[in-house]
């Protein structure tokens, strides 16, 4: 199923993200994660692959996506990065996806790895979107967006200009980078609408459940910490169990506020943590069902 149709049939989309096991682990380790997530009301599940985009990781991503579709009956969305890929390599991946009947792609530039020399067929995610749509228009292409601006952009306004190019190239659905301050998301949405971007945008939420996770996350994506969240982290920094519970509660509060303000969808970054994903989903399950009841 082309997931863009979901946004025409439901008022609120709820989706999850998982990632393949590390290179040294068997793909079998993802089975327990998917089994644990099976009972959650996910409209689709996106599957990442590791930095560098090795063939091994790509194969794991495709294998997991195929499992999600065939065994669990949930539509998968495959992450596809391009900074380290040639056009021929992208075509090979697209053909592999077609062979597994996977038709939804999240097109990304990908992180620049200092240990890997980037290839030059694709400079931006918008180049990948254009290439996919020209190669086979039957693929549905999603894109990423950044409520606080991409780290490589000089300003949020400049980043939204680039986002408009991505949408005009054929991205018909967007998922945000994680954020912890809903006001940043609402201000971003105002600017996006002013720029003429009308495709549905899902809010990406990552529950922070440990001090090391917040330090790693902020350093990687640059998301700012609102004073309220910073106080929570400081108060419970030395109490892992309390910090985990507070992090889950904060994510739930974020989601409820977003839904109350008519967000098109929630995309939960599960970090393959079934317990956390289940606690959050169970807390908002009735809200999701209520949103999608016919009038």
Protein backbone atom coordinates (compact mmCIF):
# COMPACT_ATOMS: atom_id res chain seq x y z
CA UNK A 1 0.00 0.00 0.00
CA UNK A 2 1.18 3.47 -0.85
CA UNK A 3 1.15 5.19 2.54
CA UNK A 4 0.13 8.57 1.16
CA UNK A 5 -3.39 7.11 0.90
CA UNK A 6 -3.43 6.60 4.69
CA UNK A 7 -3.50 10.35 5.22
CA UNK A 8 -6.66 10.60 3.13
CA UNK A 9 -8.42 7.84 5.05
CA UNK A 10 -7.43 8.73 8.65
CA UNK A 11 -7.37 11.92 10.68
CA UNK A 12 -4.36 10.78 12.69
CA UNK A 13 -1.54 8.48 11.60
CA UNK A 14 0.53 6.64 14.20
CA UNK A 15 3.79 5.06 13.08
CA UNK A 16 6.90 3.50 14.58
CA UNK A 17 10.58 3.35 13.69
CA UNK A 18 12.93 0.41 14.24
CA UNK A 19 16.54 -0.18 13.25
CA UNK A 20 18.37 -3.34 12.13
CA UNK A 21 20.71 -5.12 14.53
CA UNK A 22 24.33 -4.03 14.62
CA UNK A 23 26.63 -5.38 11.91
CA UNK A 24 27.96 -8.02 14.28
CA UNK A 25 24.50 -9.29 15.24
CA UNK A 26 22.16 -11.67 13.47
CA UNK A 27 19.06 -10.21 11.87
CA UNK A 28 17.15 -12.77 13.95
CA UNK A 29 17.51 -10.48 16.99
CA UNK A 30 14.92 -8.11 15.50
CA UNK A 31 12.21 -10.79 15.63
CA UNK A 32 11.51 -10.33 19.33
CA UNK A 33 11.29 -6.56 18.83
CA UNK A 34 8.78 -6.87 16.00
CA UNK A 35 6.81 -9.50 17.89
CA UNK A 36 6.57 -7.15 20.88
CA UNK A 37 5.44 -4.26 18.69
CA UNK A 38 2.92 -6.37 16.80
CA UNK A 39 -0.02 -5.50 19.01
CA UNK A 40 0.48 -1.76 18.75
CA UNK A 41 -1.85 0.17 16.40
CA UNK A 42 0.88 1.20 13.94
CA UNK A 43 -0.19 2.37 10.49
CA UNK A 44 3.33 1.75 9.22
CA UNK A 45 6.81 0.95 10.51
CA UNK A 46 9.92 2.61 9.12
CA UNK A 47 13.24 0.74 9.05
CA UNK A 48 16.58 2.54 9.19
CA UNK A 49 20.01 1.30 8.25
CA UNK A 50 23.39 2.11 9.73
CA UNK A 51 25.74 4.95 8.92
CA UNK A 52 27.69 4.37 5.77
CA UNK A 53 24.92 2.35 4.14
CA UNK A 54 26.89 -0.87 3.61
CA UNK A 55 25.40 -3.58 1.42
CA UNK A 56 25.04 -5.79 4.49
CA UNK A 57 23.00 -3.18 6.30
CA UNK A 58 20.88 -2.47 3.23
CA UNK A 59 20.12 -6.17 2.89
CA UNK A 60 19.13 -6.34 6.56
CA UNK A 61 16.86 -3.34 6.10
CA UNK A 62 15.14 -4.90 3.10
CA UNK A 63 14.83 -8.25 4.87
CA UNK A 64 13.25 -6.66 7.94
CA UNK A 65 10.89 -4.54 5.85
CA UNK A 66 9.81 -7.62 3.92
CA UNK A 67 9.15 -9.43 7.20
CA UNK A 68 7.05 -6.54 8.52
CA UNK A 69 4.93 -6.62 5.38
CA UNK A 70 4.55 -10.37 4.86
CA UNK A 71 4.45 -11.70 8.43
CA UNK A 72 2.90 -8.84 10.38
CA UNK A 73 0.66 -7.24 7.76
CA UNK A 74 1.98 -3.73 8.45
CA UNK A 75 3.23 -1.48 5.69
CA UNK A 76 7.00 -0.83 5.88
CA UNK A 77 8.85 2.34 4.92
CA UNK A 78 12.50 1.81 4.03
CA UNK A 79 15.08 4.47 4.76
CA UNK A 80 17.36 5.09 1.79
CA UNK A 81 20.39 7.37 1.94
CA UNK A 82 22.36 8.57 -1.05
CA UNK A 83 25.51 10.44 -0.01
CA UNK A 84 27.62 7.29 -0.27
CA UNK A 85 25.78 5.72 -3.22
CA UNK A 86 26.09 5.91 -6.98
CA UNK A 87 23.06 5.95 -9.27
CA UNK A 88 23.77 2.34 -10.19
CA UNK A 89 23.77 1.33 -6.52
CA UNK A 90 20.50 3.15 -5.90
CA UNK A 91 18.93 1.38 -8.89
CA UNK A 92 20.09 -1.95 -7.50
CA UNK A 93 18.42 -1.15 -4.17
CA UNK A 94 15.20 0.00 -5.86
CA UNK A 95 15.02 -3.24 -7.82
CA UNK A 96 15.57 -5.20 -4.61
CA UNK A 97 12.71 -3.32 -2.96
CA UNK A 98 10.44 -3.97 -5.93
CA UNK A 99 11.24 -7.68 -5.75
CA UNK A 100 10.03 -7.68 -2.15
CA UNK A 101 6.92 -5.59 -3.04
CA UNK A 102 8.12 -2.69 -0.89
CA UNK A 103 6.86 0.58 -2.33
CA UNK A 104 7.43 3.20 0.38
CA UNK A 105 10.79 4.95 0.77
CA UNK A 106 12.09 7.64 3.12
CA UNK A 107 14.63 9.46 0.97
CA UNK A 108 17.56 10.92 2.92
CA UNK A 109 20.93 12.41 2.15
CA UNK A 110 22.48 10.52 5.06
CA UNK A 111 25.17 11.53 7.50
CA UNK A 112 28.58 12.30 6.10
CA UNK A 113 31.05 9.79 7.51
CA UNK A 114 34.59 11.23 7.71
CA UNK A 115 35.99 7.74 7.18
CA UNK A 116 34.09 7.20 3.93
CA UNK A 117 34.65 9.35 0.86
CA UNK A 118 31.21 10.50 -0.35
CA UNK A 119 30.16 9.84 -3.92
CA UNK A 120 28.93 12.71 -6.04
CA UNK A 121 25.87 11.41 -7.87
CA UNK A 122 23.60 12.86 -5.19
CA UNK A 123 24.30 16.04 -3.25
CA UNK A 124 20.96 16.42 -1.49
CA UNK A 125 17.95 14.34 -0.50
CA UNK A 126 15.93 16.22 -3.12
CA UNK A 127 18.24 14.78 -5.80
CA UNK A 128 17.38 11.29 -4.56
CA UNK A 129 13.65 12.07 -4.54
CA UNK A 130 13.84 13.26 -8.16
CA UNK A 131 15.83 10.20 -9.21
CA UNK A 132 13.45 7.72 -7.58
CA UNK A 133 10.35 9.32 -9.08
CA UNK A 134 11.93 9.44 -12.55
CA UNK A 135 13.13 5.84 -12.30
CA UNK A 136 9.81 4.41 -11.12
CA UNK A 137 6.92 6.69 -10.24
CA UNK A 138 5.08 3.85 -8.49
CA UNK A 139 7.29 4.33 -5.43
CA UNK A 140 5.90 6.56 -2.72
CA UNK A 141 8.62 8.87 -1.41
CA UNK A 142 8.65 10.47 2.02
CA UNK A 143 11.14 13.04 3.24
CA UNK A 144 12.63 14.31 6.48
CA UNK A 145 12.21 17.80 7.90
CA UNK A 146 13.74 19.67 10.81
CA UNK A 147 11.61 21.86 13.11
CA UNK A 148 14.72 23.66 14.36
CA UNK A 149 16.49 23.64 11.00
CA UNK A 150 19.04 21.24 9.56
CA UNK A 151 22.50 21.59 11.07
CA UNK A 152 23.97 22.39 7.63
CA UNK A 153 21.54 25.26 6.95
CA UNK A 154 22.27 28.86 7.82
CA UNK A 155 18.73 29.44 9.06
CA UNK A 156 15.37 27.75 9.45
CA UNK A 157 14.04 29.84 6.57
CA UNK A 158 16.81 28.59 4.28
CA UNK A 159 16.14 25.02 5.35
CA UNK A 160 12.45 25.38 4.53
CA UNK A 161 13.39 26.66 1.06
CA UNK A 162 15.32 23.42 0.55
CA UNK A 163 12.36 21.46 1.95
CA UNK A 164 10.09 23.04 -0.67
CA UNK A 165 12.46 21.80 -3.37
CA UNK A 166 12.23 18.29 -1.91
CA UNK A 167 8.43 18.38 -1.88
CA UNK A 168 8.25 19.81 -5.40
CA UNK A 169 10.53 16.95 -6.51
CA UNK A 170 7.92 14.42 -5.38
CA UNK A 171 7.99 13.88 -1.61
CA UNK A 172 4.34 13.64 -0.58
CA UNK A 173 4.78 13.03 3.16
CA UNK A 174 7.28 14.34 5.71
CA UNK A 175 8.55 13.12 9.07
CA UNK A 176 10.30 15.48 11.45
CA UNK A 177 13.58 15.05 13.24
CA UNK A 178 12.99 14.54 16.96
CA UNK A 179 12.26 17.61 19.07
CA UNK A 180 11.45 18.23 22.71
CA UNK A 181 9.71 21.60 22.53
CA UNK A 182 6.33 21.54 20.79
CA UNK A 183 6.45 25.31 20.32
CA UNK A 184 9.32 24.81 17.87
CA UNK A 185 7.11 22.42 15.90
CA UNK A 186 4.16 24.81 15.81
CA UNK A 187 6.36 27.73 14.69
CA UNK A 188 7.89 25.47 12.04
CA UNK A 189 4.44 24.48 10.78
CA UNK A 190 3.43 28.13 10.43
CA UNK A 191 6.51 28.82 8.31
CA UNK A 192 6.02 25.68 6.24
CA UNK A 193 2.44 26.63 5.39
CA UNK A 194 3.57 30.15 4.47
CA UNK A 195 6.11 28.56 2.11
CA UNK A 196 3.33 26.72 0.29
CA UNK A 197 4.13 23.24 1.63
CA UNK A 198 0.86 21.38 2.16
CA UNK A 199 1.88 17.69 2.38
CA UNK A 200 1.10 15.90 5.68
CA UNK A 201 3.84 16.20 8.30
CA UNK A 202 4.29 13.69 11.11
CA UNK A 203 5.89 14.80 14.37
CA UNK A 204 8.86 12.64 15.32
CA UNK A 205 8.97 11.87 19.05
CA UNK A 206 11.82 10.12 20.83
CA UNK A 207 11.29 9.18 24.48
CA UNK A 208 14.45 9.90 26.48
CA UNK A 209 14.91 7.30 29.19
CA UNK A 210 18.56 7.66 30.26
CA UNK A 211 21.13 10.40 30.81
CA UNK A 212 23.53 8.91 28.27
CA UNK A 213 20.75 8.85 25.69
CA UNK A 214 20.01 12.55 26.04
CA UNK A 215 23.69 13.46 25.80
CA UNK A 216 24.15 11.33 22.69
CA UNK A 217 20.93 12.50 21.07
CA UNK A 218 21.52 16.22 21.56
CA UNK A 219 25.09 15.98 20.29
CA UNK A 220 23.95 14.13 17.15
CA UNK A 221 20.90 16.13 16.10
CA UNK A 222 21.23 19.43 17.94
CA UNK A 223 17.68 19.43 19.32
CA UNK A 224 17.30 22.06 22.03
CA UNK A 225 16.11 21.21 25.53
CA UNK A 226 13.28 23.35 26.91
CA UNK A 227 13.77 24.43 30.55
CA UNK A 228 10.99 22.09 31.71
CA UNK A 229 12.69 19.05 30.21
CA UNK A 230 16.15 20.12 31.37
CA UNK A 231 14.84 20.31 34.95
CA UNK A 232 13.50 16.77 34.68
CA UNK A 233 16.86 15.49 33.48
CA UNK A 234 18.76 17.29 36.22
CA UNK A 235 16.38 16.20 38.96
CA UNK A 236 16.47 12.50 38.10
CA UNK A 237 19.95 12.21 36.56
CA UNK A 238 21.15 9.96 39.39
CA UNK A 239 18.01 7.85 39.56
CA UNK A 240 17.80 5.78 36.34
CA UNK A 241 14.40 4.26 37.14
CA UNK A 242 12.84 7.65 37.90
CA UNK A 243 14.42 9.26 34.81
CA UNK A 244 13.05 6.50 32.61
CA UNK A 245 9.56 6.98 34.02
CA UNK A 246 9.80 10.77 33.71
CA UNK A 247 11.06 10.50 30.12
CA UNK A 248 8.11 8.33 29.15
CA UNK A 249 5.69 10.72 30.84
CA UNK A 250 7.23 13.70 29.03
CA UNK A 251 6.89 11.98 25.64
CA UNK A 252 3.25 11.13 26.37
CA UNK A 253 2.56 14.75 27.34
CA UNK A 254 4.20 15.94 24.11
CA UNK A 255 2.11 13.58 22.01
CA UNK A 256 -1.20 14.48 23.67
CA UNK A 257 -0.50 18.18 23.14
CA UNK A 258 0.38 17.60 19.47
CA UNK A 259 -2.75 15.54 18.85
CA UNK A 260 -4.87 18.20 20.56
CA UNK A 261 -3.41 20.70 18.09
CA UNK A 262 -4.43 18.64 15.04
CA UNK A 263 -1.07 17.12 14.08
CA UNK A 264 -1.33 14.89 11.00
CA UNK A 265 0.59 12.06 12.62
CA UNK A 266 2.95 10.87 15.32
CA UNK A 267 6.12 8.97 14.40
CA UNK A 268 7.59 7.26 17.47
CA UNK A 269 11.32 6.56 17.47
CA UNK A 270 11.20 3.29 19.43
CA UNK A 271 14.97 2.67 19.61
CA UNK A 272 13.87 -1.01 19.48
CA UNK A 273 12.67 -0.69 23.08
CA UNK A 274 9.41 -2.62 23.18
CA UNK A 275 8.67 -1.80 26.83
CA UNK A 276 8.89 1.96 26.32
CA UNK A 277 7.00 1.92 23.02
CA UNK A 278 4.23 -0.16 24.56
CA UNK A 279 3.85 2.06 27.63
CA UNK A 280 3.58 5.18 25.50
CA UNK A 281 1.19 3.63 22.99
CA UNK A 282 -1.06 2.13 25.62
CA UNK A 283 -1.34 5.56 27.26
CA UNK A 284 -2.58 7.18 24.05
CA UNK A 285 -4.33 4.23 22.40
CA UNK A 286 -7.85 5.47 23.17
CA UNK A 287 -6.94 8.97 21.98
CA UNK A 288 -5.75 7.55 18.65
CA UNK A 289 -8.93 5.49 18.26
CA UNK A 290 -11.09 8.47 19.17
CA UNK A 291 -9.42 10.68 16.55
CA UNK A 292 -10.09 8.17 13.81
CA UNK A 293 -13.71 7.44 14.63
CA UNK A 294 -16.10 8.48 11.85
CA UNK A 295 -18.05 11.65 12.54
